[in-house]
């Protein structure tokens, strides 16, 4: 699960490289960073919730 916290960092790095190679300033690409972080946080929280729910079921049985 801890590896999922690297996911937004890697995506932001790729987004930064994409902006740099296309000559777009970081300020103009700010919305992309917000989308990357929001989607990544949603995925991490969803998977964390599923892990928490299934861990309780494994303890009971």
PDB file of N, CA and C in Angstrom:
ATOM      1  N   UNK A   1       0.825  -1.197   0.000  1.00  0.00           N
ATOM      2  CA  UNK A   1       0.000   0.000   0.000  1.00  0.00           C
ATOM      3  C   UNK A   1       0.864   1.253   0.000  1.00  0.00           C
ATOM      4  N   UNK A   2       2.009   1.179   0.636  1.00  0.00           N
ATOM      5  CA  UNK A   2       2.871   2.362   0.725  1.00  0.00           C
ATOM      6  C   UNK A   2       3.383   2.791  -0.647  1.00  0.00           C
ATOM      7  N   UNK A   3       3.465   1.862  -1.585  1.00  0.00           N
ATOM      8  CA  UNK A   3       3.946   2.196  -2.923  1.00  0.00           C
ATOM      9  C   UNK A   3       2.981   3.119  -3.660  1.00  0.00           C
ATOM     10  N   UNK A   4       1.712   3.099  -3.283  1.00  0.00           N
ATOM     11  CA  UNK A   4       0.741   3.956  -3.956  1.00  0.00           C
ATOM     12  C   UNK A   4       0.997   5.433  -3.695  1.00  0.00           C
ATOM     13  N   UNK A   5       1.729   5.757  -2.639  1.00  0.00           N
ATOM     14  CA  UNK A   5       2.037   7.154  -2.370  1.00  0.00           C
ATOM     15  C   UNK A   5       3.095   7.685  -3.335  1.00  0.00           C
ATOM     16  N   UNK A   6       3.799   6.785  -4.011  1.00  0.00           N
ATOM     17  CA  UNK A   6       4.746   7.205  -5.039  1.00  0.00           C
ATOM     18  C   UNK A   6       4.040   7.542  -6.353  1.00  0.00           C
ATOM     19  N   UNK A   7       2.844   7.017  -6.532  1.00  0.00           N
ATOM     20  CA  UNK A   7       2.088   7.200  -7.764  1.00  0.00           C
ATOM     21  C   UNK A   7       1.893   8.678  -8.131  1.00  0.00           C
ATOM     22  N   UNK A   8       1.373   9.526  -7.227  1.00  0.00           N
ATOM     23  CA  UNK A   8       1.202  10.937  -7.613  1.00  0.00           C
ATOM     24  C   UNK A   8       2.528  11.657  -7.844  1.00  0.00           C
ATOM     25  N   UNK A   9       3.557  11.260  -7.124  1.00  0.00           N
ATOM     26  CA  UNK A   9       4.867  11.898  -7.308  1.00  0.00           C
ATOM     27  C   UNK A   9       5.406  11.593  -8.701  1.00  0.00           C
ATOM     28  N   UNK A  10       5.286  10.345  -9.121  1.00  0.00           N
ATOM     29  CA  UNK A  10       5.765   9.948 -10.447  1.00  0.00           C
ATOM     30  C   UNK A  10       4.940  10.626 -11.537  1.00  0.00           C
ATOM     31  N   UNK A  11       3.617  10.659 -11.364  1.00  0.00           N
ATOM     32  CA  UNK A  11       2.769  11.320 -12.352  1.00  0.00           C
ATOM     33  C   UNK A  11       3.076  12.811 -12.452  1.00  0.00           C
ATOM     34  N   UNK A  12       3.306  13.460 -11.321  1.00  0.00           N
ATOM     35  CA  UNK A  12       3.658  14.887 -11.338  1.00  0.00           C
ATOM     36  C   UNK A  12       5.007  15.106 -12.016  1.00  0.00           C
ATOM     37  N   UNK A  13       5.939  14.195 -11.812  1.00  0.00           N
ATOM     38  CA  UNK A  13       7.236  14.296 -12.478  1.00  0.00           C
ATOM     39  C   UNK A  13       7.066  14.183 -13.993  1.00  0.00           C
ATOM     40  N   UNK A  14       6.281  13.206 -14.435  1.00  0.00           N
ATOM     41  CA  UNK A  14       6.023  13.062 -15.869  1.00  0.00           C
ATOM     42  C   UNK A  14       5.308  14.287 -16.437  1.00  0.00           C
ATOM     43  N   UNK A  15       4.365  14.838 -15.679  1.00  0.00           N
ATOM     44  CA  UNK A  15       3.639  16.032 -16.123  1.00  0.00           C
ATOM     45  C   UNK A  15       4.596  17.217 -16.250  1.00  0.00           C
ATOM     46  N   UNK A  16       5.516  17.348 -15.296  1.00  0.00           N
ATOM     47  CA  UNK A  16       6.509  18.422 -15.348  1.00  0.00           C
ATOM     48  C   UNK A  16       7.400  18.270 -16.576  1.00  0.00           C
ATOM     49  N   UNK A  17       7.845  17.045 -16.849  1.00  0.00           N
ATOM     50  CA  UNK A  17       8.672  16.797 -18.030  1.00  0.00           C
ATOM     51  C   UNK A  17       7.905  17.089 -19.315  1.00  0.00           C
ATOM     52  N   UNK A  18       6.646  16.686 -19.359  1.00  0.00           N
ATOM     53  CA  UNK A  18       5.806  16.953 -20.529  1.00  0.00           C
ATOM     54  C   UNK A  18       5.677  18.456 -20.767  1.00  0.00           C
ATOM     55  N   UNK A  19       5.404  19.201 -19.708  1.00  0.00           N
ATOM     56  CA  UNK A  19       5.277  20.654 -19.846  1.00  0.00           C
ATOM     57  C   UNK A  19       6.597  21.273 -20.301  1.00  0.00           C
ATOM     58  N   UNK A  20       7.691  20.802 -19.729  1.00  0.00           N
ATOM     59  CA  UNK A  20       9.013  21.344 -20.075  1.00  0.00           C
ATOM     60  C   UNK A  20       9.351  21.099 -21.547  1.00  0.00           C
ATOM     61  N   UNK A  21       9.131  19.868 -22.019  1.00  0.00           N
ATOM     62  CA  UNK A  21       9.475  19.532 -23.402  1.00  0.00           C
ATOM     63  C   UNK A  21       8.585  20.238 -24.420  1.00  0.00           C
ATOM     64  N   UNK A  22       7.377  20.599 -24.014  1.00  0.00           N
ATOM     65  CA  UNK A  22       6.472  21.307 -24.920  1.00  0.00           C
ATOM     66  C   UNK A  22       6.517  22.822 -24.739  1.00  0.00           C
ATOM     67  N   UNK A  23       7.389  23.299 -23.868  1.00  0.00           N
ATOM     68  CA  UNK A  23       7.565  24.735 -23.692  1.00  0.00           C
ATOM     69  C   UNK A  23       6.420  25.434 -22.986  1.00  0.00           C
ATOM     70  N   UNK A  24       5.691  24.703 -22.169  1.00  0.00           N
ATOM     71  CA  UNK A  24       4.566  25.281 -21.432  1.00  0.00           C
ATOM     72  C   UNK A  24       5.041  25.628 -20.026  1.00  0.00           C
ATOM     73  N   UNK A  25       4.783  26.853 -19.549  1.00  0.00           N
ATOM     74  CA  UNK A  25       5.206  27.204 -18.184  1.00  0.00           C
ATOM     75  C   UNK A  25       4.442  26.396 -17.130  1.00  0.00           C
ATOM     76  N   UNK A  26       5.092  26.169 -15.993  1.00  0.00           N
ATOM     77  CA  UNK A  26       4.470  25.391 -14.913  1.00  0.00           C
ATOM     78  C   UNK A  26       3.188  26.047 -14.418  1.00  0.00           C
ATOM     79  N   UNK A  27       3.165  27.370 -14.410  1.00  0.00           N
ATOM     80  CA  UNK A  27       1.970  28.076 -13.939  1.00  0.00           C
ATOM     81  C   UNK A  27       0.762  27.755 -14.821  1.00  0.00           C
ATOM     82  N   UNK A  28       0.994  27.605 -16.097  1.00  0.00           N
ATOM     83  CA  UNK A  28      -0.091  27.283 -17.018  1.00  0.00           C
ATOM     84  C   UNK A  28      -0.538  25.822 -16.863  1.00  0.00           C
ATOM     85  N   UNK A  29       0.361  24.942 -16.434  1.00  0.00           N
ATOM     86  CA  UNK A  29       0.029  23.531 -16.247  1.00  0.00           C
ATOM     87  C   UNK A  29      -0.431  23.190 -14.845  1.00  0.00           C
ATOM     88  N   UNK A  30      -0.719  24.209 -14.047  1.00  0.00           N
ATOM     89  CA  UNK A  30      -1.113  24.012 -12.640  1.00  0.00           C
ATOM     90  C   UNK A  30      -2.372  23.151 -12.507  1.00  0.00           C
ATOM     91  N   UNK A  31      -3.320  23.334 -13.414  1.00  0.00           N
ATOM     92  CA  UNK A  31      -4.565  22.574 -13.350  1.00  0.00           C
ATOM     93  C   UNK A  31      -4.301  21.071 -13.492  1.00  0.00           C
ATOM     94  N   UNK A  32      -3.325  20.711 -14.300  1.00  0.00           N
ATOM     95  CA  UNK A  32      -2.966  19.303 -14.464  1.00  0.00           C
ATOM     96  C   UNK A  32      -2.456  18.692 -13.173  1.00  0.00           C
ATOM     97  N   UNK A  33      -1.646  19.464 -12.427  1.00  0.00           N
ATOM     98  CA  UNK A  33      -1.154  18.977 -11.135  1.00  0.00           C
ATOM     99  C   UNK A  33      -2.311  18.759 -10.159  1.00  0.00           C
ATOM    100  N   UNK A  34      -3.265  19.671 -10.177  1.00  0.00           N
ATOM    101  CA  UNK A  34      -4.427  19.541  -9.285  1.00  0.00           C
ATOM    102  C   UNK A  34      -5.215  18.282  -9.628  1.00  0.00           C
ATOM    103  N   UNK A  35      -5.434  18.038 -10.925  1.00  0.00           N
ATOM    104  CA  UNK A  35      -6.149  16.832 -11.346  1.00  0.00           C
ATOM    105  C   UNK A  35      -5.391  15.569 -10.948  1.00  0.00           C
ATOM    106  N   UNK A  36      -4.092  15.558 -11.157  1.00  0.00           N
ATOM    107  CA  UNK A  36      -3.274  14.390 -10.808  1.00  0.00           C
ATOM    108  C   UNK A  36      -3.377  14.094  -9.318  1.00  0.00           C
ATOM    109  N   UNK A  37      -3.240  15.118  -8.496  1.00  0.00           N
ATOM    110  CA  UNK A  37      -3.284  14.918  -7.043  1.00  0.00           C
ATOM    111  C   UNK A  37      -4.676  14.496  -6.590  1.00  0.00           C
ATOM    112  N   UNK A  38      -5.718  15.121  -7.136  1.00  0.00           N
ATOM    113  CA  UNK A  38      -7.087  14.782  -6.730  1.00  0.00           C
ATOM    114  C   UNK A  38      -7.438  13.342  -7.100  1.00  0.00           C
ATOM    115  N   UNK A  39      -7.121  12.939  -8.308  1.00  0.00           N
ATOM    116  CA  UNK A  39      -7.429  11.573  -8.736  1.00  0.00           C
ATOM    117  C   UNK A  39      -6.604  10.557  -7.949  1.00  0.00           C
ATOM    118  N   UNK A  40      -5.342  10.865  -7.713  1.00  0.00           N
ATOM    119  CA  UNK A  40      -4.480   9.952  -6.959  1.00  0.00           C
ATOM    120  C   UNK A  40      -4.954   9.788  -5.519  1.00  0.00           C
ATOM    121  N   UNK A  41      -5.346  10.887  -4.888  1.00  0.00           N
ATOM    122  CA  UNK A  41      -5.850  10.811  -3.510  1.00  0.00           C
ATOM    123  C   UNK A  41      -7.133   9.991  -3.466  1.00  0.00           C
ATOM    124  N   UNK A  42      -8.006  10.172  -4.456  1.00  0.00           N
ATOM    125  CA  UNK A  42      -9.244   9.394  -4.509  1.00  0.00           C
ATOM    126  C   UNK A  42      -8.945   7.902  -4.635  1.00  0.00           C
ATOM    127  N   UNK A  43      -8.013   7.550  -5.498  1.00  0.00           N
ATOM    128  CA  UNK A  43      -7.648   6.139  -5.677  1.00  0.00           C
ATOM    129  C   UNK A  43      -7.031   5.576  -4.403  1.00  0.00           C
ATOM    130  N   UNK A  44      -6.123   6.321  -3.787  1.00  0.00           N
ATOM    131  CA  UNK A  44      -5.461   5.849  -2.567  1.00  0.00           C
ATOM    132  C   UNK A  44      -6.468   5.657  -1.437  1.00  0.00           C
ATOM    133  N   UNK A  45      -7.377   6.610  -1.273  1.00  0.00           N
ATOM    134  CA  UNK A  45      -8.384   6.479  -0.213  1.00  0.00           C
ATOM    135  C   UNK A  45      -9.336   5.319  -0.481  1.00  0.00           C
ATOM    136  N   UNK A  46      -9.728   5.132  -1.737  1.00  0.00           N
ATOM    137  CA  UNK A  46     -10.620   4.017  -2.079  1.00  0.00           C
ATOM    138  C   UNK A  46      -9.957   2.673  -1.797  1.00  0.00           C
ATOM    139  N   UNK A  47      -8.717   2.528  -2.230  1.00  0.00           N
ATOM    140  CA  UNK A  47      -8.014   1.267  -1.985  1.00  0.00           C
ATOM    141  C   UNK A  47      -7.734   1.055  -0.499  1.00  0.00           C
ATOM    142  N   UNK A  48      -7.446   2.120   0.214  1.00  0.00           N
ATOM    143  CA  UNK A  48      -7.244   2.017   1.660  1.00  0.00           C
ATOM    144  C   UNK A  48      -8.507   1.574   2.374  1.00  0.00           C
ATOM    145  N   UNK A  49      -9.646   2.124   1.945  1.00  0.00           N
ATOM    146  CA  UNK A  49     -10.927   1.731   2.532  1.00  0.00           C
ATOM    147  C   UNK A  49     -11.226   0.262   2.246  1.00  0.00           C
ATOM    148  N   UNK A  50     -10.999  -0.164   1.015  1.00  0.00           N
ATOM    149  CA  UNK A  50     -11.225  -1.570   0.674  1.00  0.00           C
ATOM    150  C   UNK A  50     -10.303  -2.494   1.462  1.00  0.00           C
ATOM    151  N   UNK A  51      -9.065  -2.088   1.635  1.00  0.00           N
ATOM    152  CA  UNK A  51      -8.117  -2.877   2.424  1.00  0.00           C
ATOM    153  C   UNK A  51      -8.567  -2.971   3.873  1.00  0.00           C
ATOM    154  N   UNK A  52      -9.050  -1.869   4.416  1.00  0.00           N
ATOM    155  CA  UNK A  52      -9.518  -1.839   5.800  1.00  0.00           C
ATOM    156  C   UNK A  52     -10.756  -2.726   5.977  1.00  0.00           C
ATOM    157  N   UNK A  53     -11.682  -2.664   5.020  1.00  0.00           N
ATOM    158  CA  UNK A  53     -12.903  -3.475   5.104  1.00  0.00           C
ATOM    159  C   UNK A  53     -12.567  -4.962   5.018  1.00  0.00           C
ATOM    160  N   UNK A  54     -11.728  -5.337   4.078  1.00  0.00           N
ATOM    161  CA  UNK A  54     -11.412  -6.758   3.921  1.00  0.00           C
ATOM    162  C   UNK A  54     -10.515  -7.273   5.040  1.00  0.00           C
ATOM    163  N   UNK A  55      -9.722  -6.429   5.647  1.00  0.00           N
ATOM    164  CA  UNK A  55      -8.878  -6.862   6.766  1.00  0.00           C
ATOM    165  C   UNK A  55      -9.743  -7.240   7.964  1.00  0.00           C
ATOM    166  N   UNK A  56     -10.823  -6.508   8.193  1.00  0.00           N
ATOM    167  CA  UNK A  56     -11.734  -6.853   9.296  1.00  0.00           C
ATOM    168  C   UNK A  56     -12.391  -8.200   9.058  1.00  0.00           C
ATOM    169  N   UNK A  57     -12.758  -8.490   7.825  1.00  0.00           N
ATOM    170  CA  UNK A  57     -13.392  -9.765   7.515  1.00  0.00           C
ATOM    171  C   UNK A  57     -12.412 -10.921   7.686  1.00  0.00           C
ATOM    172  N   UNK A  58     -11.158 -10.707   7.380  1.00  0.00           N
ATOM    173  CA  UNK A  58     -10.156 -11.767   7.544  1.00  0.00           C
ATOM    174  C   UNK A  58      -9.892 -12.061   9.011  1.00  0.00           C
ATOM    175  N   UNK A  59      -9.978 -11.056   9.855  1.00  0.00           N
ATOM    176  CA  UNK A  59      -9.746 -11.253  11.288  1.00  0.00           C
ATOM    177  C   UNK A  59     -10.880 -12.074  11.899  1.00  0.00           C
ATOM    178  N   UNK A  60     -12.112 -11.820  11.460  1.00  0.00           N
ATOM    179  CA  UNK A  60     -13.276 -12.519  12.018  1.00  0.00           C
ATOM    180  C   UNK A  60     -13.282 -14.000  11.668  1.00  0.00           C
ATOM    181  N   UNK A  61     -12.802 -14.360  10.508  1.00  0.00           N
ATOM    182  CA  UNK A  61     -12.877 -15.766  10.086  1.00  0.00           C
ATOM    183  C   UNK A  61     -11.597 -16.500  10.376  1.00  0.00           C
TER     184      UNK A  61
END
